[in-house]
Amino acid sequence: MANMRFVKPLDEALVRQLADTHELLVTVEEGTLMGGAGSACIESLQAAGVNRPVLQLGLPDRFVDHGDPAKLLAACGLDAAGIASAIRERLSAVERQKHDGNAKTTKLVA
């Protein structure tokens, strides 16, 4: 786990190191996915020619109701249970894709 306190400047060396040592990269952010930390990581990996599955977890690019933060995060799959479930699901898909050599980048939007 790495804490990306900010997106810019992106620590591209760390992103590359994590990609080299893990089967799946997961980004979790409380902001919208479009143009966020996960997108920056994917762009950095693509520029370096690194093909690694990435699971982006974050807010959809639409209006999210106001309310209790914990309930809103849960509704978007960004609570502990939602994050764990999404990671388990994606790791299973990565294992299946190893057999056909077709691992892909995936955006998961609640």
PDB file of N, CA and C in Angstrom:
ATOM      1  N   MET A   1       0.846  -1.166   0.000  1.00  0.00           N
ATOM      2  CA  MET A   1       0.000   0.000   0.000  1.00  0.00           C
ATOM      3  C   MET A   1       0.897   1.235   0.000  1.00  0.00           C
ATOM      4  N   ALA A   2       0.537   2.160  -0.826  1.00  0.00           N
ATOM      5  CA  ALA A   2       1.254   3.434  -0.899  1.00  0.00           C
ATOM      6  C   ALA A   2       0.229   4.552  -0.764  1.00  0.00           C
ATOM      7  N   ASN A   3       0.533   5.539   0.022  1.00  0.00           N
ATOM      8  CA  ASN A   3      -0.365   6.672   0.211  1.00  0.00           C
ATOM      9  C   ASN A   3       0.026   7.774  -0.760  1.00  0.00           C
ATOM     10  N   MET A   4      -0.810   7.987  -1.764  1.00  0.00           N
ATOM     11  CA  MET A   4      -0.590   9.090  -2.709  1.00  0.00           C
ATOM     12  C   MET A   4      -1.260  10.322  -2.128  1.00  0.00           C
ATOM     13  N   ARG A   5      -0.503  11.132  -1.456  1.00  0.00           N
ATOM     14  CA  ARG A   5      -1.085  12.315  -0.820  1.00  0.00           C
ATOM     15  C   ARG A   5      -1.504  13.345  -1.854  1.00  0.00           C
ATOM     16  N   PHE A   6      -0.903  13.287  -3.018  1.00  0.00           N
ATOM     17  CA  PHE A   6      -1.235  14.223  -4.084  1.00  0.00           C
ATOM     18  C   PHE A   6      -0.958  13.546  -5.416  1.00  0.00           C
ATOM     19  N   VAL A   7      -1.613  14.052  -6.454  1.00  0.00           N
ATOM     20  CA  VAL A   7      -1.466  13.462  -7.783  1.00  0.00           C
ATOM     21  C   VAL A   7      -0.312  14.105  -8.542  1.00  0.00           C
ATOM     22  N   LYS A   8      -0.131  15.393  -8.354  1.00  0.00           N
ATOM     23  CA  LYS A   8       0.931  16.094  -9.082  1.00  0.00           C
ATOM     24  C   LYS A   8       1.906  16.704  -8.099  1.00  0.00           C
ATOM     25  N   PRO A   9       3.164  16.509  -8.271  1.00  0.00           N
ATOM     26  CA  PRO A   9       3.752  15.642  -9.291  1.00  0.00           C
ATOM     27  C   PRO A   9       3.595  14.175  -8.906  1.00  0.00           C
ATOM     28  N   LEU A  10       3.310  13.354  -9.877  1.00  0.00           N
ATOM     29  CA  LEU A  10       3.143  11.921  -9.668  1.00  0.00           C
ATOM     30  C   LEU A  10       4.504  11.278  -9.438  1.00  0.00           C
ATOM     31  N   ASP A  11       4.592  10.431  -8.439  1.00  0.00           N
ATOM     32  CA  ASP A  11       5.825   9.692  -8.173  1.00  0.00           C
ATOM     33  C   ASP A  11       5.866   8.504  -9.138  1.00  0.00           C
ATOM     34  N   GLU A  12       6.291   8.770 -10.365  1.00  0.00           N
ATOM     35  CA  GLU A  12       6.275   7.747 -11.408  1.00  0.00           C
ATOM     36  C   GLU A  12       7.182   6.572 -11.076  1.00  0.00           C
ATOM     37  N   ALA A  13       8.283   6.828 -10.395  1.00  0.00           N
ATOM     38  CA  ALA A  13       9.188   5.740 -10.016  1.00  0.00           C
ATOM     39  C   ALA A  13       8.489   4.782  -9.050  1.00  0.00           C
ATOM     40  N   LEU A  14       7.730   5.315  -8.115  1.00  0.00           N
ATOM     41  CA  LEU A  14       7.005   4.465  -7.172  1.00  0.00           C
ATOM     42  C   LEU A  14       5.915   3.678  -7.886  1.00  0.00           C
ATOM     43  N   VAL A  15       5.188   4.331  -8.780  1.00  0.00           N
ATOM     44  CA  VAL A  15       4.141   3.635  -9.535  1.00  0.00           C
ATOM     45  C   VAL A  15       4.758   2.487 -10.325  1.00  0.00           C
ATOM     46  N   ARG A  16       5.869   2.735 -10.969  1.00  0.00           N
ATOM     47  CA  ARG A  16       6.554   1.694 -11.747  1.00  0.00           C
ATOM     48  C   ARG A  16       7.033   0.561 -10.837  1.00  0.00           C
ATOM     49  N   GLN A  17       7.594   0.907  -9.677  1.00  0.00           N
ATOM     50  CA  GLN A  17       8.058  -0.106  -8.727  1.00  0.00           C
ATOM     51  C   GLN A  17       6.892  -0.983  -8.263  1.00  0.00           C
ATOM     52  N   LEU A  18       5.775  -0.365  -7.949  1.00  0.00           N
ATOM     53  CA  LEU A  18       4.605  -1.124  -7.518  1.00  0.00           C
ATOM     54  C   LEU A  18       4.089  -2.017  -8.641  1.00  0.00           C
ATOM     55  N   ALA A  19       4.100  -1.513  -9.857  1.00  0.00           N
ATOM     56  CA  ALA A  19       3.661  -2.314 -11.003  1.00  0.00           C
ATOM     57  C   ALA A  19       4.587  -3.505 -11.226  1.00  0.00           C
ATOM     58  N   ASP A  20       5.868  -3.307 -10.988  1.00  0.00           N
ATOM     59  CA  ASP A  20       6.839  -4.384 -11.189  1.00  0.00           C
ATOM     60  C   ASP A  20       6.750  -5.464 -10.122  1.00  0.00           C
ATOM     61  N   THR A  21       6.169  -5.145  -8.970  1.00  0.00           N
ATOM     62  CA  THR A  21       6.171  -6.092  -7.852  1.00  0.00           C
ATOM     63  C   THR A  21       4.786  -6.589  -7.453  1.00  0.00           C
ATOM     64  N   HIS A  22       3.755  -6.215  -8.205  1.00  0.00           N
ATOM     65  CA  HIS A  22       2.391  -6.636  -7.880  1.00  0.00           C
ATOM     66  C   HIS A  22       1.651  -7.049  -9.151  1.00  0.00           C
ATOM     67  N   GLU A  23       0.735  -7.989  -8.995  1.00  0.00           N
ATOM     68  CA  GLU A  23      -0.053  -8.457 -10.138  1.00  0.00           C
ATOM     69  C   GLU A  23      -1.176  -7.498 -10.497  1.00  0.00           C
ATOM     70  N   LEU A  24      -1.601  -6.706  -9.545  1.00  0.00           N
ATOM     71  CA  LEU A  24      -2.722  -5.790  -9.746  1.00  0.00           C
ATOM     72  C   LEU A  24      -2.439  -4.510  -8.980  1.00  0.00           C
ATOM     73  N   LEU A  25      -2.628  -3.379  -9.635  1.00  0.00           N
ATOM     74  CA  LEU A  25      -2.562  -2.092  -8.946  1.00  0.00           C
ATOM     75  C   LEU A  25      -3.985  -1.628  -8.691  1.00  0.00           C
ATOM     76  N   VAL A  26      -4.233  -1.125  -7.501  1.00  0.00           N
ATOM     77  CA  VAL A  26      -5.552  -0.632  -7.116  1.00  0.00           C
ATOM     78  C   VAL A  26      -5.400   0.805  -6.651  1.00  0.00           C
ATOM     79  N   THR A  27      -6.187   1.686  -7.222  1.00  0.00           N
ATOM     80  CA  THR A  27      -6.218   3.063  -6.737  1.00  0.00           C
ATOM     81  C   THR A  27      -7.594   3.315  -6.135  1.00  0.00           C
ATOM     82  N   VAL A  28      -7.603   3.956  -4.983  1.00  0.00           N
ATOM     83  CA  VAL A  28      -8.846   4.281  -4.288  1.00  0.00           C
ATOM     84  C   VAL A  28      -8.814   5.772  -3.998  1.00  0.00           C
ATOM     85  N   GLU A  29      -9.833   6.459  -4.442  1.00  0.00           N
ATOM     86  CA  GLU A  29      -9.881   7.897  -4.209  1.00  0.00           C
ATOM     87  C   GLU A  29     -11.307   8.346  -3.952  1.00  0.00           C
ATOM     88  N   GLU A  30     -11.444   9.374  -3.139  1.00  0.00           N
ATOM     89  CA  GLU A  30     -12.756   9.918  -2.813  1.00  0.00           C
ATOM     90  C   GLU A  30     -13.171  11.007  -3.789  1.00  0.00           C
ATOM     91  N   GLY A  31     -12.453  11.133  -4.873  1.00  0.00           N
ATOM     92  CA  GLY A  31     -12.799  12.065  -5.932  1.00  0.00           C
ATOM     93  C   GLY A  31     -13.273  11.285  -7.145  1.00  0.00           C
ATOM     94  N   THR A  32     -13.627  12.011  -8.202  1.00  0.00           N
ATOM     95  CA  THR A  32     -14.074  11.327  -9.410  1.00  0.00           C
ATOM     96  C   THR A  32     -12.907  10.617 -10.077  1.00  0.00           C
ATOM     97  N   LEU A  33     -13.218   9.528 -10.729  1.00  0.00           N
ATOM     98  CA  LEU A  33     -12.195   8.724 -11.390  1.00  0.00           C
ATOM     99  C   LEU A  33     -11.577   9.449 -12.578  1.00  0.00           C
ATOM    100  N   MET A  34     -12.423  10.137 -13.339  1.00  0.00           N
ATOM    101  CA  MET A  34     -11.948  10.803 -14.542  1.00  0.00           C
ATOM    102  C   MET A  34     -10.944  11.892 -14.182  1.00  0.00           C
ATOM    103  N   GLY A  35      -9.721  11.731 -14.637  1.00  0.00           N
ATOM    104  CA  GLY A  35      -8.693  12.726 -14.378  1.00  0.00           C
ATOM    105  C   GLY A  35      -8.081  12.658 -12.994  1.00  0.00           C
ATOM    106  N   GLY A  36      -8.326  11.572 -12.279  1.00  0.00           N
ATOM    107  CA  GLY A  36      -7.824  11.451 -10.917  1.00  0.00           C
ATOM    108  C   GLY A  36      -6.505  10.703 -10.819  1.00  0.00           C
ATOM    109  N   ALA A  37      -6.205  10.246  -9.624  1.00  0.00           N
ATOM    110  CA  ALA A  37      -4.942   9.560  -9.345  1.00  0.00           C
ATOM    111  C   ALA A  37      -4.808   8.275 -10.160  1.00  0.00           C
ATOM    112  N   GLY A  38      -5.882   7.514 -10.254  1.00  0.00           N
ATOM    113  CA  GLY A  38      -5.828   6.270 -11.018  1.00  0.00           C
ATOM    114  C   GLY A  38      -5.530   6.519 -12.484  1.00  0.00           C
ATOM    115  N   SER A  39      -6.161   7.531 -13.038  1.00  0.00           N
ATOM    116  CA  SER A  39      -5.901   7.882 -14.437  1.00  0.00           C
ATOM    117  C   SER A  39      -4.447   8.275 -14.636  1.00  0.00           C
ATOM    118  N   ALA A  40      -3.894   9.032 -13.689  1.00  0.00           N
ATOM    119  CA  ALA A  40      -2.491   9.441 -13.785  1.00  0.00           C
ATOM    120  C   ALA A  40      -1.566   8.228 -13.734  1.00  0.00           C
ATOM    121  N   CYS A  41      -1.886   7.264 -12.881  1.00  0.00           N
ATOM    122  CA  CYS A  41      -1.067   6.046 -12.793  1.00  0.00           C
ATOM    123  C   CYS A  41      -1.114   5.265 -14.102  1.00  0.00           C
ATOM    124  N   ILE A  42      -2.296   5.119 -14.660  1.00  0.00           N
ATOM    125  CA  ILE A  42      -2.439   4.386 -15.918  1.00  0.00           C
ATOM    126  C   ILE A  42      -1.673   5.086 -17.036  1.00  0.00           C
ATOM    127  N   GLU A  43      -1.799   6.397 -17.122  1.00  0.00           N
ATOM    128  CA  GLU A  43      -1.076   7.146 -18.158  1.00  0.00           C
ATOM    129  C   GLU A  43       0.430   6.981 -17.998  1.00  0.00           C
ATOM    130  N   SER A  44       0.909   7.011 -16.766  1.00  0.00           N
ATOM    131  CA  SER A  44       2.341   6.847 -16.503  1.00  0.00           C
ATOM    132  C   SER A  44       2.819   5.460 -16.918  1.00  0.00           C
ATOM    133  N   LEU A  45       2.040   4.447 -16.579  1.00  0.00           N
ATOM    134  CA  LEU A  45       2.422   3.077 -16.942  1.00  0.00           C
ATOM    135  C   LEU A  45       2.403   2.886 -18.455  1.00  0.00           C
ATOM    136  N   GLN A  46       1.393   3.435 -19.116  1.00  0.00           N
ATOM    137  CA  GLN A  46       1.330   3.325 -20.575  1.00  0.00           C
ATOM    138  C   GLN A  46       2.530   3.987 -21.221  1.00  0.00           C
ATOM    139  N   ALA A  47       2.893   5.161 -20.744  1.00  0.00           N
ATOM    140  CA  ALA A  47       4.037   5.883 -21.312  1.00  0.00           C
ATOM    141  C   ALA A  47       5.333   5.099 -21.138  1.00  0.00           C
ATOM    142  N   ALA A  48       5.409   4.319 -20.058  1.00  0.00           N
ATOM    143  CA  ALA A  48       6.607   3.518 -19.795  1.00  0.00           C
ATOM    144  C   ALA A  48       6.541   2.150 -20.473  1.00  0.00           C
ATOM    145  N   GLY A  49       5.437   1.867 -21.164  1.00  0.00           N
ATOM    146  CA  GLY A  49       5.286   0.584 -21.842  1.00  0.00           C
ATOM    147  C   GLY A  49       5.007  -0.572 -20.900  1.00  0.00           C
ATOM    148  N   VAL A  50       4.449  -0.273 -19.728  1.00  0.00           N
ATOM    149  CA  VAL A  50       4.156  -1.304 -18.729  1.00  0.00           C
ATOM    150  C   VAL A  50       2.697  -1.722 -18.859  1.00  0.00           C
ATOM    151  N   ASN A  51       2.474  -3.012 -19.033  1.00  0.00           N
ATOM    152  CA  ASN A  51       1.122  -3.549 -19.135  1.00  0.00           C
ATOM    153  C   ASN A  51       0.793  -4.256 -17.824  1.00  0.00           C
ATOM    154  N   ARG A  52       0.043  -3.583 -16.969  1.00  0.00           N
ATOM    155  CA  ARG A  52      -0.324  -4.136 -15.669  1.00  0.00           C
ATOM    156  C   ARG A  52      -1.791  -3.833 -15.426  1.00  0.00           C
ATOM    157  N   PRO A  53      -2.568  -4.812 -14.964  1.00  0.00           N
ATOM    158  CA  PRO A  53      -3.966  -4.527 -14.651  1.00  0.00           C
ATOM    159  C   PRO A  53      -4.075  -3.473 -13.548  1.00  0.00           C
ATOM    160  N   VAL A  54      -5.007  -2.552 -13.730  1.00  0.00           N
ATOM    161  CA  VAL A  54      -5.250  -1.494 -12.753  1.00  0.00           C
ATOM    162  C   VAL A  54      -6.747  -1.455 -12.459  1.00  0.00           C
ATOM    163  N   LEU A  55      -7.084  -1.456 -11.195  1.00  0.00           N
ATOM    164  CA  LEU A  55      -8.468  -1.309 -10.756  1.00  0.00           C
ATOM    165  C   LEU A  55      -8.598   0.071 -10.132  1.00  0.00           C
ATOM    166  N   GLN A  56      -9.447   0.898 -10.712  1.00  0.00           N
ATOM    167  CA  GLN A  56      -9.684   2.242 -10.191  1.00  0.00           C
ATOM    168  C   GLN A  56     -10.994   2.248  -9.415  1.00  0.00           C
ATOM    169  N   LEU A  57     -10.925   2.640  -8.173  1.00  0.00           N
ATOM    170  CA  LEU A  57     -12.114   2.780  -7.349  1.00  0.00           C
ATOM    171  C   LEU A  57     -12.248   4.244  -6.963  1.00  0.00           C
ATOM    172  N   GLY A  58     -13.412   4.798  -7.195  1.00  0.00           N
ATOM    173  CA  GLY A  58     -13.628   6.203  -6.885  1.00  0.00           C
ATOM    174  C   GLY A  58     -15.061   6.588  -7.176  1.00  0.00           C
ATOM    175  N   LEU A  59     -15.296   7.863  -7.163  1.00  0.00           N
ATOM    176  CA  LEU A  59     -16.646   8.360  -7.395  1.00  0.00           C
ATOM    177  C   LEU A  59     -16.958   8.401  -8.887  1.00  0.00           C
ATOM    178  N   PRO A  60     -18.197   8.105  -9.230  1.00  0.00           N
ATOM    179  CA  PRO A  60     -18.589   8.207 -10.633  1.00  0.00           C
ATOM    180  C   PRO A  60     -18.579   9.667 -11.073  1.00  0.00           C
ATOM    181  N   ASP A  61     -18.493   9.884 -12.357  1.00  0.00           N
ATOM    182  CA  ASP A  61     -18.471  11.243 -12.897  1.00  0.00           C
ATOM    183  C   ASP A  61     -19.910  11.734 -13.063  1.00  0.00           C
ATOM    184  N   ARG A  62     -20.562  11.866 -11.931  1.00  0.00           N
ATOM    185  CA  ARG A  62     -21.947  12.346 -11.896  1.00  0.00           C
ATOM    186  C   ARG A  62     -22.202  12.938 -10.517  1.00  0.00           C
ATOM    187  N   PHE A  63     -23.328  13.578 -10.362  1.00  0.00           N
ATOM    188  CA  PHE A  63     -23.686  14.168  -9.079  1.00  0.00           C
ATOM    189  C   PHE A  63     -23.893  13.072  -8.046  1.00  0.00           C
ATOM    190  N   VAL A  64     -23.294  13.240  -6.879  1.00  0.00           N
ATOM    191  CA  VAL A  64     -23.503  12.323  -5.757  1.00  0.00           C
ATOM    192  C   VAL A  64     -24.247  13.103  -4.683  1.00  0.00           C
ATOM    193  N   ASP A  65     -25.334  12.528  -4.189  1.00  0.00           N
ATOM    194  CA  ASP A  65     -26.142  13.206  -3.175  1.00  0.00           C
ATOM    195  C   ASP A  65     -25.309  13.599  -1.964  1.00  0.00           C
ATOM    196  N   HIS A  66     -25.801  14.586  -1.251  1.00  0.00           N
ATOM    197  CA  HIS A  66     -25.172  14.999   0.005  1.00  0.00           C
ATOM    198  C   HIS A  66     -25.752  14.152   1.119  1.00  0.00           C
ATOM    199  N   GLY A  67     -24.973  13.964   2.170  1.00  0.00           N
ATOM    200  CA  GLY A  67     -25.460  13.206   3.311  1.00  0.00           C
ATOM    201  C   GLY A  67     -24.318  12.732   4.172  1.00  0.00           C
ATOM    202  N   ASP A  68     -24.610  11.743   4.979  1.00  0.00           N
ATOM    203  CA  ASP A  68     -23.618  11.167   5.875  1.00  0.00           C
ATOM    204  C   ASP A  68     -22.462  10.583   5.062  1.00  0.00           C
ATOM    205  N   PRO A  69     -21.238  11.049   5.285  1.00  0.00           N
ATOM    206  CA  PRO A  69     -20.099  10.590   4.474  1.00  0.00           C
ATOM    207  C   PRO A  69     -19.926   9.075   4.449  1.00  0.00           C
ATOM    208  N   ALA A  70     -20.084   8.415   5.585  1.00  0.00           N
ATOM    209  CA  ALA A  70     -19.902   6.958   5.625  1.00  0.00           C
ATOM    210  C   ALA A  70     -20.933   6.256   4.740  1.00  0.00           C
ATOM    211  N   LYS A  71     -22.169   6.727   4.783  1.00  0.00           N
ATOM    212  CA  LYS A  71     -23.223   6.119   3.962  1.00  0.00           C
ATOM    213  C   LYS A  71     -22.985   6.383   2.478  1.00  0.00           C
ATOM    214  N   LEU A  72     -22.524   7.576   2.158  1.00  0.00           N
ATOM    215  CA  LEU A  72     -22.265   7.906   0.755  1.00  0.00           C
ATOM    216  C   LEU A  72     -21.103   7.086   0.203  1.00  0.00           C
ATOM    217  N   LEU A  73     -20.042   6.923   0.998  1.00  0.00           N
ATOM    218  CA  LEU A  73     -18.914   6.101   0.551  1.00  0.00           C
ATOM    219  C   LEU A  73     -19.358   4.659   0.344  1.00  0.00           C
ATOM    220  N   ALA A  74     -20.167   4.143   1.262  1.00  0.00           N
ATOM    221  CA  ALA A  74     -20.668   2.773   1.123  1.00  0.00           C
ATOM    222  C   ALA A  74     -21.514   2.637  -0.140  1.00  0.00           C
ATOM    223  N   ALA A  75     -22.345   3.633  -0.416  1.00  0.00           N
ATOM    224  CA  ALA A  75     -23.199   3.586  -1.608  1.00  0.00           C
ATOM    225  C   ALA A  75     -22.373   3.560  -2.888  1.00  0.00           C
ATOM    226  N   CYS A  76     -21.180   4.142  -2.844  1.00  0.00           N
ATOM    227  CA  CYS A  76     -20.293   4.166  -4.018  1.00  0.00           C
ATOM    228  C   CYS A  76     -19.283   3.022  -3.993  1.00  0.00           C
ATOM    229  N   GLY A  77     -19.415   2.113  -3.021  1.00  0.00           N
ATOM    230  CA  GLY A  77     -18.490   0.985  -2.934  1.00  0.00           C
ATOM    231  C   GLY A  77     -17.129   1.366  -2.391  1.00  0.00           C
ATOM    232  N   LEU A  78     -17.041   2.481  -1.688  1.00  0.00           N
ATOM    233  CA  LEU A  78     -15.752   2.956  -1.190  1.00  0.00           C
ATOM    234  C   LEU A  78     -15.586   2.771   0.315  1.00  0.00           C
ATOM    235  N   ASP A  79     -16.430   1.927   0.917  1.00  0.00           N
ATOM    236  CA  ASP A  79     -16.201   1.547   2.301  1.00  0.00           C
ATOM    237  C   ASP A  79     -15.312   0.302   2.300  1.00  0.00           C
ATOM    238  N   ALA A  80     -14.877  -0.137   3.467  1.00  0.00           N
ATOM    239  CA  ALA A  80     -13.947  -1.270   3.543  1.00  0.00           C
ATOM    240  C   ALA A  80     -14.510  -2.512   2.852  1.00  0.00           C
ATOM    241  N   ALA A  81     -15.783  -2.808   3.085  1.00  0.00           N
ATOM    242  CA  ALA A  81     -16.388  -3.999   2.482  1.00  0.00           C
ATOM    243  C   ALA A  81     -16.448  -3.884   0.959  1.00  0.00           C
ATOM    244  N   GLY A  82     -16.818  -2.723   0.461  1.00  0.00           N
ATOM    245  CA  GLY A  82     -16.906  -2.524  -0.985  1.00  0.00           C
ATOM    246  C   GLY A  82     -15.552  -2.604  -1.660  1.00  0.00           C
ATOM    247  N   ILE A  83     -14.549  -2.013  -1.032  1.00  0.00           N
ATOM    248  CA  ILE A  83     -13.194  -2.049  -1.589  1.00  0.00           C
ATOM    249  C   ILE A  83     -12.671  -3.477  -1.608  1.00  0.00           C
ATOM    250  N   ALA A  84     -12.828  -4.187  -0.481  1.00  0.00           N
ATOM    251  CA  ALA A  84     -12.349  -5.573  -0.406  1.00  0.00           C
ATOM    252  C   ALA A  84     -13.043  -6.453  -1.439  1.00  0.00           C
ATOM    253  N   SER A  85     -14.344  -6.281  -1.594  1.00  0.00           N
ATOM    254  CA  SER A  85     -15.098  -7.074  -2.562  1.00  0.00           C
ATOM    255  C   SER A  85     -14.630  -6.805  -3.992  1.00  0.00           C
ATOM    256  N   ALA A  86     -14.437  -5.541  -4.330  1.00  0.00           N
ATOM    257  CA  ALA A  86     -13.991  -5.186  -5.683  1.00  0.00           C
ATOM    258  C   ALA A  86     -12.602  -5.745  -5.969  1.00  0.00           C
ATOM    259  N   ILE A  87     -11.725  -5.699  -4.978  1.00  0.00           N
ATOM    260  CA  ILE A  87     -10.368  -6.224  -5.174  1.00  0.00           C
ATOM    261  C   ILE A  87     -10.400  -7.735  -5.349  1.00  0.00           C
ATOM    262  N   ARG A  88     -11.179  -8.436  -4.515  1.00  0.00           N
ATOM    263  CA  ARG A  88     -11.288  -9.901  -4.667  1.00  0.00           C
ATOM    264  C   ARG A  88     -11.811 -10.263  -6.053  1.00  0.00           C
ATOM    265  N   GLU A  89     -12.846  -9.550  -6.493  1.00  0.00           N
ATOM    266  CA  GLU A  89     -13.443  -9.810  -7.808  1.00  0.00           C
ATOM    267  C   GLU A  89     -12.417  -9.597  -8.923  1.00  0.00           C
ATOM    268  N   ARG A  90     -11.676  -8.505  -8.837  1.00  0.00           N
ATOM    269  CA  ARG A  90     -10.701  -8.197  -9.894  1.00  0.00           C
ATOM    270  C   ARG A  90      -9.527  -9.161  -9.866  1.00  0.00           C
ATOM    271  N   LEU A  91      -9.063  -9.560  -8.662  1.00  0.00           N
ATOM    272  CA  LEU A  91      -7.973 -10.539  -8.586  1.00  0.00           C
ATOM    273  C   LEU A  91      -8.391 -11.869  -9.204  1.00  0.00           C
ATOM    274  N   SER A  92      -9.641 -12.254  -8.998  1.00  0.00           N
ATOM    275  CA  SER A  92     -10.147 -13.477  -9.628  1.00  0.00           C
ATOM    276  C   SER A  92     -10.119 -13.343 -11.143  1.00  0.00           C
ATOM    277  N   ALA A  93     -10.513 -12.181 -11.648  1.00  0.00           N
ATOM    278  CA  ALA A  93     -10.493 -11.947 -13.097  1.00  0.00           C
ATOM    279  C   ALA A  93      -9.064 -11.962 -13.624  1.00  0.00           C
ATOM    280  N   VAL A  94      -8.123 -11.393 -12.874  1.00  0.00           N
ATOM    281  CA  VAL A  94      -6.717 -11.397 -13.292  1.00  0.00           C
ATOM    282  C   VAL A  94      -6.213 -12.829 -13.398  1.00  0.00           C
ATOM    283  N   GLU A  95      -6.560 -13.663 -12.432  1.00  0.00           N
ATOM    284  CA  GLU A  95      -6.141 -15.070 -12.472  1.00  0.00           C
ATOM    285  C   GLU A  95      -6.722 -15.776 -13.697  1.00  0.00           C
ATOM    286  N   ARG A  96      -7.994 -15.520 -13.990  1.00  0.00           N
ATOM    287  CA  ARG A  96      -8.615 -16.143 -15.170  1.00  0.00           C
ATOM    288  C   ARG A  96      -7.949 -15.653 -16.448  1.00  0.00           C
ATOM    289  N   GLN A  97      -7.611 -14.375 -16.503  1.00  0.00           N
ATOM    290  CA  GLN A  97      -7.028 -13.793 -17.711  1.00  0.00           C
ATOM    291  C   GLN A  97      -5.594 -14.230 -17.935  1.00  0.00           C
ATOM    292  N   LYS A  98      -4.924 -14.687 -16.900  1.00  0.00           N
ATOM    293  CA  LYS A  98      -3.551 -15.180 -17.066  1.00  0.00           C
ATOM    294  C   LYS A  98      -3.515 -16.328 -18.066  1.00  0.00           C
ATOM    295  N   HIS A  99      -4.578 -17.109 -18.073  1.00  0.00           N
ATOM    296  CA  HIS A  99      -4.620 -18.272 -18.957  1.00  0.00           C
ATOM    297  C   HIS A  99      -4.744 -17.890 -20.425  1.00  0.00           C
ATOM    298  N   ASP A 100      -5.382 -16.749 -20.700  1.00  0.00           N
ATOM    299  CA  ASP A 100      -5.494 -16.345 -22.104  1.00  0.00           C
ATOM    300  C   ASP A 100      -4.599 -15.156 -22.439  1.00  0.00           C
ATOM    301  N   GLY A 101      -3.806 -14.681 -21.453  1.00  0.00           N
ATOM    302  CA  GLY A 101      -2.849 -13.600 -21.704  1.00  0.00           C
ATOM    303  C   GLY A 101      -3.491 -12.279 -22.048  1.00  0.00           C
ATOM    304  N   ASN A 102      -4.679 -12.032 -21.514  1.00  0.00           N
ATOM    305  CA  ASN A 102      -5.429 -10.853 -21.925  1.00  0.00           C
ATOM    306  C   ASN A 102      -5.822  -9.976 -20.735  1.00  0.00           C
ATOM    307  N   ALA A 103      -4.898  -9.698 -19.821  1.00  0.00           N
ATOM    308  CA  ALA A 103      -5.206  -8.830 -18.683  1.00  0.00           C
ATOM    309  C   ALA A 103      -5.454  -7.412 -19.181  1.00  0.00           C
ATOM    310  N   LYS A 104      -6.463  -6.776 -18.639  1.00  0.00           N
ATOM    311  CA  LYS A 104      -6.852  -5.450 -19.116  1.00  0.00           C
ATOM    312  C   LYS A 104      -6.970  -4.473 -17.955  1.00  0.00           C
ATOM    313  N   THR A 105      -6.890  -3.209 -18.288  1.00  0.00           N
ATOM    314  CA  THR A 105      -7.143  -2.154 -17.321  1.00  0.00           C
ATOM    315  C   THR A 105      -8.650  -2.034 -17.148  1.00  0.00           C
ATOM    316  N   THR A 106      -9.087  -1.903 -15.912  1.00  0.00           N
ATOM    317  CA  THR A 106     -10.510  -1.853 -15.632  1.00  0.00           C
ATOM    318  C   THR A 106     -10.844  -0.682 -14.737  1.00  0.00           C
ATOM    319  N   LYS A 107     -11.884   0.032 -15.086  1.00  0.00           N
ATOM    320  CA  LYS A 107     -12.426   1.056 -14.203  1.00  0.00           C
ATOM    321  C   LYS A 107     -13.697   0.486 -13.601  1.00  0.00           C
ATOM    322  N   LEU A 108     -13.793   0.527 -12.288  1.00  0.00           N
ATOM    323  CA  LEU A 108     -14.994   0.073 -11.609  1.00  0.00           C
ATOM    324  C   LEU A 108     -15.664   1.288 -11.011  1.00  0.00           C
ATOM    325  N   VAL A 109     -16.866   1.555 -11.443  1.00  0.00           N
ATOM    326  CA  VAL A 109     -17.611   2.709 -10.962  1.00  0.00           C
ATOM    327  C   VAL A 109     -18.887   2.198 -10.333  1.00  0.00           C
ATOM    328  N   ALA A 110     -19.136   2.606  -9.101  1.00  0.00           N
ATOM    329  CA  ALA A 110     -20.347   2.159  -8.403  1.00  0.00           C
ATOM    330  C   ALA A 110     -21.558   2.870  -8.955  1.00  0.00           C
TER     331      ALA A 110
END
